[in-house]
Protein backbone atom coordinates (compact mmCIF):
# COMPACT_ATOMS: atom_id res chain seq x y z
CA MET A 1 88.40 138.74 132.14
CA LYS A 2 89.56 135.13 132.26
CA ASN A 3 91.46 133.96 129.20
CA ASN A 4 90.00 130.62 128.13
CA HIS A 5 92.34 130.11 125.18
CA LYS A 6 94.55 127.06 125.63
CA PRO A 7 98.19 127.15 124.57
CA ILE A 8 98.82 125.32 121.30
CA ALA A 9 100.93 122.16 121.34
CA ARG A 10 102.50 120.75 118.17
CA PHE A 11 103.38 117.40 119.70
CA ILE A 12 102.63 115.23 122.73
CA HIS A 13 105.00 116.18 125.51
CA ARG A 14 107.25 113.45 126.85
CA ASP A 15 105.92 113.72 130.40
CA ARG A 16 102.37 113.10 129.10
CA LEU A 17 103.55 109.85 127.51
CA ARG A 18 104.31 108.64 131.03
CA SER A 19 100.57 108.67 131.75
CA SER A 20 99.19 105.85 133.88
CA ARG A 21 96.93 105.11 130.91
CA LEU A 22 99.87 103.84 128.86
CA GLY A 23 101.74 100.61 129.49
CA ASP A 24 105.23 99.76 128.27
CA THR A 25 106.72 96.54 126.91
CA ARG A 26 105.63 94.60 129.99
CA TYR A 27 102.02 94.85 128.82
CA TYR A 28 102.46 93.91 125.16
CA GLU A 29 101.39 90.30 125.61
CA ARG A 30 98.11 91.42 127.19
CA THR A 31 96.90 93.31 124.12
CA THR A 32 94.43 92.03 121.54
CA LEU A 33 96.81 92.59 118.63
CA PHE A 34 99.65 90.69 120.28
CA THR A 35 97.27 87.82 121.03
CA TYR A 36 96.33 87.63 117.36
CA LEU A 37 99.84 87.93 115.95
CA SER A 38 101.19 85.28 118.33
CA ARG A 39 99.25 82.72 116.27
CA TYR A 40 101.71 83.37 113.45
CA PHE A 41 104.95 84.76 114.86
CA ALA A 42 107.33 84.09 117.74
CA THR A 43 106.54 86.19 120.81
CA ASP A 44 110.08 87.59 121.03
CA ALA A 45 109.84 88.71 117.41
CA ILE A 46 106.51 90.46 118.01
CA CYS A 47 107.87 92.26 121.08
CA ARG A 48 110.87 93.51 119.14
CA VAL A 49 108.74 94.89 116.32
CA PHE A 50 106.28 96.50 118.76
CA SER A 51 109.24 98.13 120.48
CA ARG A 52 110.82 99.25 117.19
CA TYR A 53 107.68 101.21 116.33
CA GLY A 54 107.32 102.56 119.87
CA LEU A 55 103.93 100.96 120.54
CA LEU A 56 102.27 101.37 123.94
CA ALA A 57 99.50 99.37 125.60
CA ASP A 58 96.35 101.39 126.26
CA LEU A 59 95.33 100.25 129.73
CA GLU A 60 92.02 102.15 129.61
CA TYR A 61 90.85 100.66 126.31
CA GLU A 62 89.85 97.10 127.16
CA GLN A 63 88.09 94.42 125.17
CA ASP A 64 87.32 91.03 126.69
CA GLY A 65 89.99 91.56 129.33
CA LEU A 66 92.70 92.54 126.83
CA TYR A 67 94.17 96.00 126.27
CA GLY A 68 94.26 98.11 123.15
CA ILE A 69 97.52 99.07 121.48
CA ALA A 70 98.54 102.69 120.81
CA PHE A 71 100.44 103.47 117.61
CA PRO A 72 102.55 106.65 117.65
CA PHE A 73 102.70 108.92 114.63
CA GLN A 74 106.11 110.41 115.21
CA ASP A 75 109.16 111.95 113.62
CA ASP A 76 111.59 113.36 116.15
CA LYS A 77 108.56 113.97 118.39
CA THR A 78 105.30 112.10 119.02
CA ARG A 79 102.64 113.94 117.03
CA GLN A 80 99.63 111.71 117.72
CA LEU A 81 98.73 108.42 119.36
CA LEU A 82 96.03 106.28 117.77
CA SER A 83 94.78 103.56 120.09
CA MET A 84 93.44 100.46 118.34
CA GLN A 85 91.45 97.38 119.28
CA TYR A 86 91.37 94.16 117.28
CA ASP A 87 89.48 90.90 117.31
CA PRO A 88 92.08 88.52 118.80
CA ALA A 89 90.65 85.65 116.73
CA THR A 90 90.51 87.30 113.30
CA GLY A 91 92.86 90.28 113.59
CA ARG A 92 90.21 92.63 112.23
CA GLN A 93 90.02 96.11 113.69
CA THR A 94 87.12 96.62 116.10
CA GLY A 95 87.76 100.19 117.23
CA GLU A 96 90.10 103.16 117.24
CA GLN A 97 90.60 106.20 119.45
CA PRO A 98 92.95 109.14 118.88
CA ILE A 99 94.15 109.86 122.42
CA GLY A 100 96.71 112.62 121.89
CA GLN A 101 94.33 115.43 122.89
CA ARG A 102 93.28 113.56 126.01
CA LEU A 103 96.90 113.15 127.04
CA MET A 104 97.56 116.83 126.34
CA LYS A 105 94.77 118.10 128.59
CA GLY A 106 95.15 121.83 129.10
CA TYR A 107 96.57 122.31 125.60
CA ASP A 108 95.10 122.56 122.14
CA LEU A 109 96.92 119.79 120.27
CA GLN A 110 97.48 120.90 116.68
CA SER A 111 100.08 118.36 115.74
CA ALA A 112 102.35 118.43 112.74
CA PRO A 113 101.76 115.51 110.33
CA ALA A 114 103.86 112.36 110.49
CA LEU A 115 103.38 108.79 109.31
CA CYS A 116 103.60 105.89 111.71
CA GLY A 117 107.24 104.83 111.48
CA THR A 118 108.65 108.14 110.24
CA HIS A 119 111.07 108.22 113.19
CA LEU A 120 112.80 105.14 111.73
CA LEU A 121 113.81 106.80 108.44
CA PRO A 122 117.14 108.20 109.76
CA GLU A 123 117.91 104.86 111.43
CA TYR A 124 117.60 102.94 108.14
CA PRO A 125 118.84 105.39 105.49
CA GLY A 126 119.51 102.75 102.83
CA LYS A 127 116.25 100.83 102.98
CA PRO A 128 113.53 101.26 100.36
CA VAL A 129 110.23 102.31 101.91
CA GLY A 130 106.91 100.47 101.66
CA ILE A 131 103.79 102.45 102.57
CA LEU A 132 100.55 100.84 103.68
CA ARG A 133 97.35 102.25 105.07
CA ASP A 134 96.61 99.87 107.95
CA LEU A 135 98.73 100.15 111.07
CA ARG A 136 98.49 96.44 111.79
CA ASP A 137 99.96 95.64 108.40
CA ILE A 138 103.29 97.42 108.92
CA LEU A 139 104.01 95.09 111.85
CA ILE A 140 103.17 91.99 109.82
CA MET A 141 105.23 93.16 106.87
CA THR A 142 108.22 94.04 109.04
CA LEU A 143 108.10 90.53 110.46
CA ALA A 144 107.78 89.02 106.98
CA ASP A 145 110.02 91.26 104.88
CA ASP A 146 112.60 93.33 106.73
CA THR A 147 114.35 94.35 103.51
CA ARG A 148 112.01 97.36 103.47
CA LEU A 149 111.10 99.97 106.03
CA TRP A 150 107.34 99.92 106.41
CA LEU A 151 105.29 103.05 107.17
CA ALA A 152 101.54 103.55 107.60
CA THR A 153 99.25 106.51 106.97
CA GLY A 154 96.51 105.40 109.38
CA ASN A 155 93.35 103.37 109.11
CA SER A 156 90.69 105.83 107.99
CA ASN A 157 89.93 109.26 106.61
CA ARG A 158 88.96 110.33 110.13
CA ASN A 159 92.26 109.49 111.80
CA GLY A 160 95.50 109.53 109.89
CA TYR A 161 97.62 111.65 107.58
CA SER A 162 97.83 112.28 103.86
CA LEU A 163 100.80 111.16 101.81
CA THR A 164 100.46 114.33 99.76
CA ASP A 165 100.85 116.62 102.77
CA PRO A 166 103.89 118.81 101.96
CA ALA A 167 105.58 118.05 105.30
CA ILE A 168 105.24 114.30 104.77
CA MET A 169 106.46 114.44 101.18
CA GLU A 170 109.49 116.42 102.33
CA VAL A 171 110.66 113.70 104.75
CA LEU A 172 110.16 111.05 102.04
CA ARG A 173 112.25 112.94 99.52
CA GLY A 174 115.38 111.04 98.49
CA ARG A 175 113.90 107.62 99.37
CA SER A 176 112.66 104.89 97.05
CA ILE A 177 108.93 104.62 97.83
CA THR A 178 106.48 101.85 96.94
CA LEU A 179 102.78 102.18 97.73
CA TYR A 180 100.98 98.95 98.61
CA PRO A 181 97.24 99.58 98.20
CA ALA A 182 94.65 96.97 99.13
CA SER A 183 92.94 94.99 96.39
CA GLY A 184 90.63 97.10 94.27
CA LEU A 185 92.52 100.32 95.02
CA TYR A 186 95.44 100.15 92.60
CA ASP A 187 93.91 102.57 90.08
CA ALA A 188 92.77 104.91 92.83
CA SER A 189 96.33 105.15 94.16
CA MET A 190 97.79 106.37 90.85
CA PRO A 191 97.08 110.09 91.37
CA ILE A 192 98.69 109.95 94.80
CA ALA A 193 101.83 108.43 93.30
CA HIS A 194 101.80 111.04 90.54
CA ARG A 195 101.49 113.87 93.05
CA MET A 196 104.53 112.51 94.86
CA GLN A 197 106.46 112.03 91.60
CA GLU A 198 105.75 115.64 90.66
CA GLN A 199 107.51 116.63 93.87
CA GLY A 200 110.60 114.66 92.87
CA ILE A 201 109.91 111.59 95.02
CA ASP A 202 110.80 108.21 93.49
CA THR A 203 107.39 106.51 93.80
CA THR A 204 105.93 103.31 92.33
CA ILE A 205 102.83 101.26 93.10
CA SER A 206 102.74 97.53 93.76
CA ASN A 207 99.81 95.66 92.27
CA ALA A 208 100.56 92.55 94.34
CA ALA A 209 97.20 92.72 96.14
CA GLU A 210 95.40 92.89 92.79
CA GLN A 211 97.24 89.82 91.52
CA LEU A 212 96.62 87.89 94.72
CA THR A 213 92.87 88.38 94.55
CA THR A 214 92.42 87.64 90.84
CA GLY A 215 89.53 85.23 90.46
CA MET A 216 88.27 85.70 94.01
CA THR A 217 84.54 86.33 94.38
CA SER A 218 84.71 88.09 97.75
CA ASP A 219 84.24 91.88 97.83
CA ALA A 220 86.60 92.17 100.81
CA GLN A 221 89.61 94.42 100.28
CA LEU A 222 92.70 92.34 101.04
CA THR A 223 96.26 93.51 101.57
CA ILE A 224 99.65 91.93 101.06
CA ALA A 225 99.77 91.40 104.83
CA ASP A 226 96.62 89.26 104.59
CA PHE A 227 98.40 87.17 101.97
CA VAL A 228 101.48 86.74 104.17
CA LEU A 229 99.34 85.41 107.01
CA GLN A 230 97.56 83.09 104.60
CA GLN A 231 100.90 81.71 103.45
CA ILE A 232 101.99 81.12 107.03
CA GLU A 233 98.77 79.23 107.72
CA GLU A 234 99.16 77.08 104.62
CA GLU A 235 102.90 76.43 104.80
CA GLN A 236 103.26 76.30 108.58
CA PHE A 237 106.35 78.40 109.14
CA TYR A 238 107.28 81.61 110.94
CA ALA A 239 108.14 84.58 108.76
CA SER A 240 109.86 86.54 111.51
CA TYR A 241 113.35 86.90 110.00
CA PRO A 242 115.50 88.60 111.26
CA PHE A 243 113.68 89.04 114.56
CA ALA A 244 113.54 85.40 115.69
CA ALA A 245 115.88 85.20 118.68
CA ASP A 246 116.85 81.52 118.46
CA ASN A 247 117.19 80.98 114.72
CA PRO A 248 117.35 84.16 112.64
CA GLY A 249 117.36 82.19 109.40
CA SER A 250 114.21 80.22 110.13
CA GLY A 251 111.67 82.70 108.90
CA MET A 252 112.40 83.96 105.44
CA ALA A 253 109.50 85.71 103.78
CA PRO A 254 107.36 83.38 101.62
CA TYR A 255 109.04 82.82 98.25
CA SER A 256 105.75 83.36 96.44
CA PHE A 257 105.38 86.73 98.15
CA CYS A 258 108.95 87.80 97.34
CA ASN A 259 108.60 86.75 93.71
CA LEU A 260 105.27 88.50 93.36
CA GLN A 261 106.75 91.74 94.69
CA GLU A 262 109.58 91.59 92.15
CA GLN A 263 107.16 90.95 89.30
CA ASN A 264 104.67 93.66 90.20
CA GLU A 265 106.60 96.80 91.06
CA PRO A 266 106.43 98.64 87.72
CA ALA A 267 109.31 100.79 86.57
CA THR A 268 107.38 102.23 83.61
CA PRO A 269 105.59 105.59 83.91
CA MET A 270 101.96 105.41 84.93
CA PRO A 271 99.19 107.27 83.06
CA GLN A 272 98.15 110.66 84.37
CA VAL A 273 95.04 110.69 86.55
CA PRO A 274 93.72 114.13 87.52
CA ASP A 275 92.19 113.90 90.99
CA VAL A 276 93.44 112.46 94.27
CA PRO A 277 90.74 110.16 95.72
CA GLU A 278 89.82 110.31 99.39
CA SER A 279 89.12 106.61 99.76
CA LEU A 280 92.62 105.15 99.70
CA PHE A 281 94.65 107.25 102.10
CA PRO A 282 93.47 109.92 104.57
CA VAL A 283 93.41 113.33 102.96
CA ASN A 284 93.21 115.62 105.97
CA GLY A 285 96.43 117.29 106.95
CA ASN A 286 95.78 116.73 110.64
CA PRO A 287 93.92 113.99 112.51
CA THR A 288 90.65 114.91 114.13
CA GLU A 289 88.78 113.31 116.98
C-alpha cells in the first residue's frame, strides 16, 4: 500500500528559499512596502534594513504592478515566511499569505516558533529588545531608533507566534525586553509581561502609544511607528540614523519620541492580571494557513 504520509520539516530548507517565486535585494524597490517607506526614508537606508531582516520580494503576490514582501521568522533557520501586501499610499496592510508550506511542497511543515528578527539576537548581544506586533513597524523603528533591536510577533492571531511560547521565551532570556503595544492595548499586554517575568525575563511595557493618543477621538489603534512617521511628516527630516549612507548623523530619532520612551518605560512592578488575552499577540504556538 502506498504511504501517503509526508516527511515532517521543522524549517524551510535553504534550497526552497531559492524558489523562482522569491526575489532578492534587486527587487526591493518594486515592492509596495518599499514604495510607501520611500516617502519617509532614504532608499539606501530602506534597502539596508530590508537586508538586515532577510526580507524577500514575493514575485507571485502582486498588487497594482508591485510585489509583496516576505518576512522570515527565523532563528538559525527559516521557520516560516509571511508574505505581506500594503497600500503604497497609506502603508496599511492589505493582505498576508504564509508561504512556507507552499515552498516546502512534499513535506509537512511543522515549524518551530521564532519571532521575526530572532536571528539578530546573537549579532547584537548588548542591545535592549523592543517587541512589536506588526512586521512593518520593526522596519520603521529600526530606521528611527537603532539603539534597540526590534522584533515582531506577526500581524494576527492567524499567522504569527506567541511571546509566551516556551521556546521563544528561552531565546529572550537574559535580554532586557520592552513590549510596545498599540494604543488601547496597554492593559491587555500586562499578563503577557507577567508571564515572561515569571520565567525570569526582564520585561517592561511602554505606554508611549497610550500617551500619544490621549485626547484623540479616533478608534484606530495606533503604534509608536505611526507616531514616528507623523513626526517625519510634520518636521520634514529623515530618521534613518545610522543607515543613511551619505550623512549618518542626519537622521536622529525625533526628540519627542526619545523623550516619551524614557518617560514611559516603567520600572515599578505591574499589578497581577490573571489571563493572557488573545487580542494583542498571537497565541498559537505555530502559524497556520
